[in-house]
Protein backbone atom coordinates (compact mmCIF):
# COMPACT_ATOMS: atom_id res chain seq x y z
CA MET A 1 89.88 96.31 122.23
CA ASN A 2 86.73 94.64 121.16
CA VAL A 3 87.81 92.67 118.09
CA LEU A 4 85.09 90.85 116.16
CA VAL A 5 86.29 88.51 113.82
CA THR A 6 83.72 86.79 111.01
CA GLY A 7 83.99 83.17 109.61
CA ALA A 8 86.04 82.58 113.01
CA LYS A 9 86.07 78.90 112.35
CA GLY A 10 87.14 78.73 109.16
CA PHE A 11 90.89 78.37 107.90
CA ILE A 12 92.28 81.89 108.37
CA GLY A 13 89.80 82.46 111.41
CA SER A 14 90.65 79.76 113.38
CA ASN A 15 94.62 80.78 112.45
CA LEU A 16 94.11 84.06 113.28
CA LEU A 17 92.42 83.59 116.43
CA LYS A 18 95.33 81.77 117.97
CA ARG A 19 97.65 84.38 117.37
CA LEU A 20 94.72 87.35 118.95
CA ILE A 21 94.34 85.27 121.56
CA ALA A 22 97.48 85.43 122.93
CA MET A 23 97.12 89.58 122.63
CA LYS A 24 96.59 90.42 126.20
CA ASP A 25 94.30 93.74 125.17
CA VAL A 26 92.14 91.98 122.77
CA ASN A 27 88.90 90.60 123.49
CA LEU A 28 87.51 88.15 121.22
CA ILE A 29 83.72 87.92 119.88
CA GLU A 30 82.95 85.22 117.03
CA TYR A 31 80.55 85.77 114.79
CA ASN A 32 79.97 82.10 112.82
CA ARG A 33 77.13 80.35 110.63
CA HIS A 34 75.23 79.26 113.72
CA ASN A 35 75.32 82.85 114.57
CA THR A 36 72.45 85.34 113.63
CA LEU A 37 72.33 89.33 112.50
CA GLN A 38 70.33 89.88 115.72
CA GLU A 39 73.17 88.56 118.00
CA LEU A 40 75.82 90.57 115.45
CA GLU A 41 73.06 93.96 116.38
CA SER A 42 73.75 93.28 120.23
CA VAL A 43 77.69 93.70 120.10
CA ILE A 44 78.34 95.85 117.57
CA GLU A 45 78.01 99.12 119.48
CA THR A 46 81.03 97.67 121.32
CA ILE A 47 83.45 96.68 118.41
CA ASP A 48 86.72 98.38 117.68
CA PHE A 49 87.51 96.46 115.26
CA ILE A 50 86.40 94.11 112.69
CA TYR A 51 87.88 91.12 110.67
CA HIS A 52 85.39 89.36 107.84
CA PHE A 53 86.16 86.11 106.71
CA ALA A 54 82.50 84.76 106.81
CA GLY A 55 81.58 83.84 103.25
CA GLU A 56 81.05 80.80 100.81
CA VAL A 57 83.72 79.50 98.72
CA ARG A 58 82.92 76.04 97.85
CA PRO A 59 82.65 75.71 94.05
CA GLN A 60 79.29 73.42 93.73
CA SER A 61 77.50 76.10 96.00
CA SER A 62 74.63 77.91 93.73
CA ASP A 63 75.00 81.40 92.82
CA GLU A 64 72.22 82.64 94.60
CA VAL A 65 74.39 81.18 97.91
CA PHE A 66 77.52 83.04 96.81
CA VAL A 67 75.43 86.07 96.17
CA GLN A 68 73.99 85.70 100.16
CA SER A 69 76.91 84.39 102.17
CA ASN A 70 79.65 87.05 100.12
CA ALA A 71 77.75 89.80 99.15
CA GLY A 72 74.65 89.73 101.47
CA LEU A 73 76.50 89.37 104.23
CA THR A 74 79.10 92.17 103.93
CA LYS A 75 76.22 94.34 103.12
CA ASP A 76 74.15 92.97 105.98
CA ILE A 77 77.09 93.68 108.59
CA ILE A 78 77.36 97.63 107.61
CA THR A 79 73.78 98.14 107.71
CA ILE A 80 74.12 96.94 111.37
CA ILE A 81 77.06 99.59 111.72
CA GLU A 82 75.46 102.55 110.01
CA LYS A 83 72.15 101.52 112.37
CA TYR A 84 73.99 102.36 115.01
CA ASP A 85 76.64 105.46 113.43
CA ARG A 86 79.54 103.52 114.14
CA LYS A 87 82.85 103.97 112.70
CA ILE A 88 84.38 101.00 112.67
CA PRO A 89 88.12 100.22 111.08
CA PHE A 90 86.90 97.15 108.82
CA LEU A 91 89.51 94.65 107.44
CA MET A 92 87.77 91.88 104.11
CA THR A 93 89.42 88.82 103.01
CA SER A 94 88.30 89.28 98.97
CA SER A 95 89.70 86.98 96.52
CA ILE A 96 91.55 87.27 93.11
CA HIS A 97 88.47 86.25 91.19
CA ALA A 98 86.66 89.62 92.24
CA GLU A 99 89.16 91.18 89.58
CA LEU A 100 88.57 88.45 86.95
CA GLN A 101 84.79 88.42 87.87
CA LYS A 102 84.32 85.12 85.58
CA ASN A 103 81.57 83.23 87.90
CA ALA A 104 79.00 83.94 90.40
CA TYR A 105 82.10 83.65 93.34
CA GLY A 106 84.02 86.83 91.50
CA ILE A 107 80.92 88.48 90.95
CA SER A 108 80.03 88.43 94.83
CA LYS A 109 83.24 88.97 96.42
CA ARG A 110 83.20 92.24 94.23
CA GLU A 111 80.03 93.40 94.91
CA ALA A 112 81.32 92.83 98.63
CA GLU A 113 84.20 95.15 97.97
CA ILE A 114 82.30 97.91 96.99
CA TYR A 115 79.98 97.97 99.42
CA LEU A 116 82.76 97.78 101.81
CA GLU A 117 84.74 100.73 99.39
CA THR A 118 81.64 102.95 100.07
CA TYR A 119 81.30 102.48 103.31
CA GLY A 120 85.11 103.22 104.20
CA LYS A 121 84.95 106.59 102.00
CA GLN A 122 82.27 107.53 102.99
CA ASN A 123 82.86 107.58 106.95
CA HIS A 124 86.70 108.33 106.61
CA ILE A 125 87.45 105.28 108.35
CA PRO A 126 90.50 102.84 107.27
CA VAL A 127 88.88 99.65 105.44
CA TRP A 128 91.46 96.82 104.06
CA ILE A 129 90.05 94.53 101.42
CA TYR A 130 92.79 91.92 100.57
CA ARG A 131 92.79 90.61 97.39
CA LEU A 132 94.05 86.91 98.35
CA PRO A 133 95.86 84.43 95.99
CA HIS A 134 95.25 80.58 96.58
CA ILE A 135 96.04 79.90 100.09
CA PHE A 136 97.67 76.86 102.41
CA GLY A 137 98.91 76.33 106.12
CA GLU A 138 98.17 73.76 108.84
CA GLY A 139 93.86 73.72 109.28
CA CYS A 140 93.20 73.87 105.43
CA LYS A 141 90.37 71.00 105.35
CA PRO A 142 91.37 68.59 102.81
CA ASN A 143 88.63 67.78 99.70
CA TYR A 144 87.22 71.17 100.48
CA ASN A 145 89.14 74.03 98.58
CA SER A 146 92.57 73.80 98.93
CA VAL A 147 94.02 71.18 96.34
CA ILE A 148 97.41 71.88 98.56
CA SER A 149 95.35 70.47 101.53
CA THR A 150 93.87 67.34 99.79
CA TRP A 151 97.05 66.43 98.16
CA ILE A 152 99.10 66.57 101.45
CA TYR A 153 96.09 64.01 102.78
CA ASN A 154 96.25 62.10 99.96
CA SER A 155 99.90 61.39 100.19
CA ILE A 156 99.93 61.05 104.03
CA HIS A 157 96.64 58.43 103.73
CA GLY A 158 98.15 56.48 100.51
CA LYS A 159 96.18 57.85 97.99
CA GLU A 160 97.10 58.86 94.71
CA ILE A 161 97.74 62.70 93.96
CA VAL A 162 95.66 62.93 90.64
CA VAL A 163 97.17 66.54 88.71
CA PHE A 164 96.19 67.15 85.12
CA ASP A 165 98.15 69.48 83.87
CA ARG A 166 101.36 69.45 85.56
CA ASN A 167 102.04 73.15 83.79
CA ILE A 168 99.70 75.21 85.38
CA PRO A 169 100.22 77.99 87.07
CA MET A 170 99.72 79.15 90.21
CA THR A 171 100.31 81.75 92.69
CA TYR A 172 100.19 80.74 96.97
CA SER A 173 100.78 82.54 99.94
CA TYR A 174 101.19 80.86 103.51
CA VAL A 175 98.32 81.20 105.78
CA GLN A 176 101.02 82.41 108.58
CA ASP A 177 102.43 84.99 106.20
CA ILE A 178 98.70 86.15 106.05
CA VAL A 179 98.15 86.52 110.03
CA ASP A 180 100.86 87.95 110.29
CA GLU A 181 99.57 90.65 108.45
CA PHE A 182 96.12 91.01 109.44
CA VAL A 183 98.03 91.62 112.82
CA ALA A 184 99.48 94.45 112.13
CA CYS A 185 96.60 96.04 110.33
CA LEU A 186 95.54 96.01 114.00
CA GLU A 187 98.34 97.30 115.94
CA THR A 188 99.42 99.60 113.89
CA LYS A 189 95.44 101.28 113.40
CA GLN A 190 96.64 103.47 109.55
CA ASN A 191 95.33 106.47 109.86
CA ASN A 192 94.05 106.03 106.26
CA THR A 193 90.99 107.64 105.33
CA ALA A 194 90.47 105.65 102.08
CA SER A 195 89.41 102.35 100.96
CA CYS A 196 92.66 100.56 100.57
CA TYR A 197 92.63 97.45 98.26
CA VAL A 198 95.39 95.07 99.21
CA LYS A 199 97.58 92.19 97.68
CA PRO A 200 100.06 89.49 100.16
CA LYS A 201 103.31 91.08 100.92
CA ILE A 202 104.68 87.49 100.83
CA SER A 203 103.45 85.05 97.79
CA TYR A 204 105.39 82.32 95.88
CA ASN A 205 104.86 81.81 91.78
CA THR A 206 105.21 78.33 91.28
CA THR A 207 103.27 75.02 89.46
CA LEU A 208 101.12 72.28 90.12
CA GLY A 209 103.55 70.34 88.78
CA GLU A 210 106.39 71.64 91.11
CA VAL A 211 103.55 71.15 94.93
CA VAL A 212 103.43 67.45 93.32
CA ASP A 213 107.06 66.92 93.64
CA PHE A 214 107.90 69.03 96.76
CA ILE A 215 105.24 66.43 98.20
CA GLU A 216 106.41 63.53 97.13
CA GLU A 217 109.57 64.19 98.33
CA PHE A 218 108.14 64.53 101.44
CA THR A 219 106.95 61.39 101.87
CA MET A 220 110.29 59.65 101.08
CA LEU A 221 111.84 61.61 104.44
CA GLU A 222 112.73 59.74 106.86
CA LYS A 223 110.82 59.98 110.23
CA ASN A 224 111.52 62.91 112.05
CA SER A 225 114.13 64.39 109.37
CA THR A 226 114.62 68.18 109.62
CA PRO A 227 115.51 68.94 105.86
CA SER A 228 117.00 72.79 105.37
CA TYR A 229 114.23 73.65 102.90
CA THR A 230 113.74 77.61 102.44
CA ASP A 231 111.12 80.07 101.64
CA PHE A 232 107.35 78.22 99.52
CA LYS A 233 109.08 74.39 100.48
CA ALA A 234 110.13 74.97 103.61
CA LYS A 235 106.39 76.18 104.44
CA LEU A 236 104.95 73.91 102.41
CA PHE A 237 106.93 70.84 104.67
CA THR A 238 105.55 72.50 107.55
CA THR A 239 102.12 72.32 106.54
CA TYR A 240 102.96 68.64 105.20
CA SER A 241 104.11 68.28 108.72
CA ASN A 242 101.26 69.68 110.32
CA TYR A 243 98.85 67.03 108.70
CA LEU A 244 101.27 64.29 109.55
CA ASN A 245 101.00 65.12 112.66
CA THR A 246 97.51 64.85 113.33
CA LYS A 247 96.93 62.08 111.11
CA LYS A 248 94.04 60.47 111.89
């Protein structure tokens, strides 16, 4: 099975690739920022499944970049698929911001959703549109778009953790749980013929203050200790330990 992963070098994409590489019947084709649409078009006739993670998430990006990288790229991929009369199952990561549409990022993600929803319905093929909350886990860049990664990085490097309002509620999902769901979509090959909006099966409601408290607790642990945490705290500790072991 030939599987295309766009945004393969990103946070979610790179974690999924590690899992897919171990699957013997999967041949991976990557699409990243340096690739062209012409390169994508050259392989589209061989593709059996698409994971679409490529897009712009940085808050400082312009409205035009959001539109081009999120809605525009999704439309371009679908246009190429239809040009070759392919009907390829397609999983795309969107965002809870697509529901709110309060900024250019949310609006561009909603436009991308509509393109994919239309593609799925018109061609009677399964598509998954994952509206993700905030994601944390191994491999996420600090000082990019994840406050957890930034706070863990700062804590490990002796920098101050700055939180302006400890009571702000947050919903998080762990990247490895997300990857589990994505692999299951590939393995089950659902026969649904309508577009499918999906939210992660496992998510955690917390506050910024609680996250800070957990991270500060981790910094006080003795080296190589193995505390008995569960659920969100356990996965946050795994993330913390990964950063600690790869500290530069």
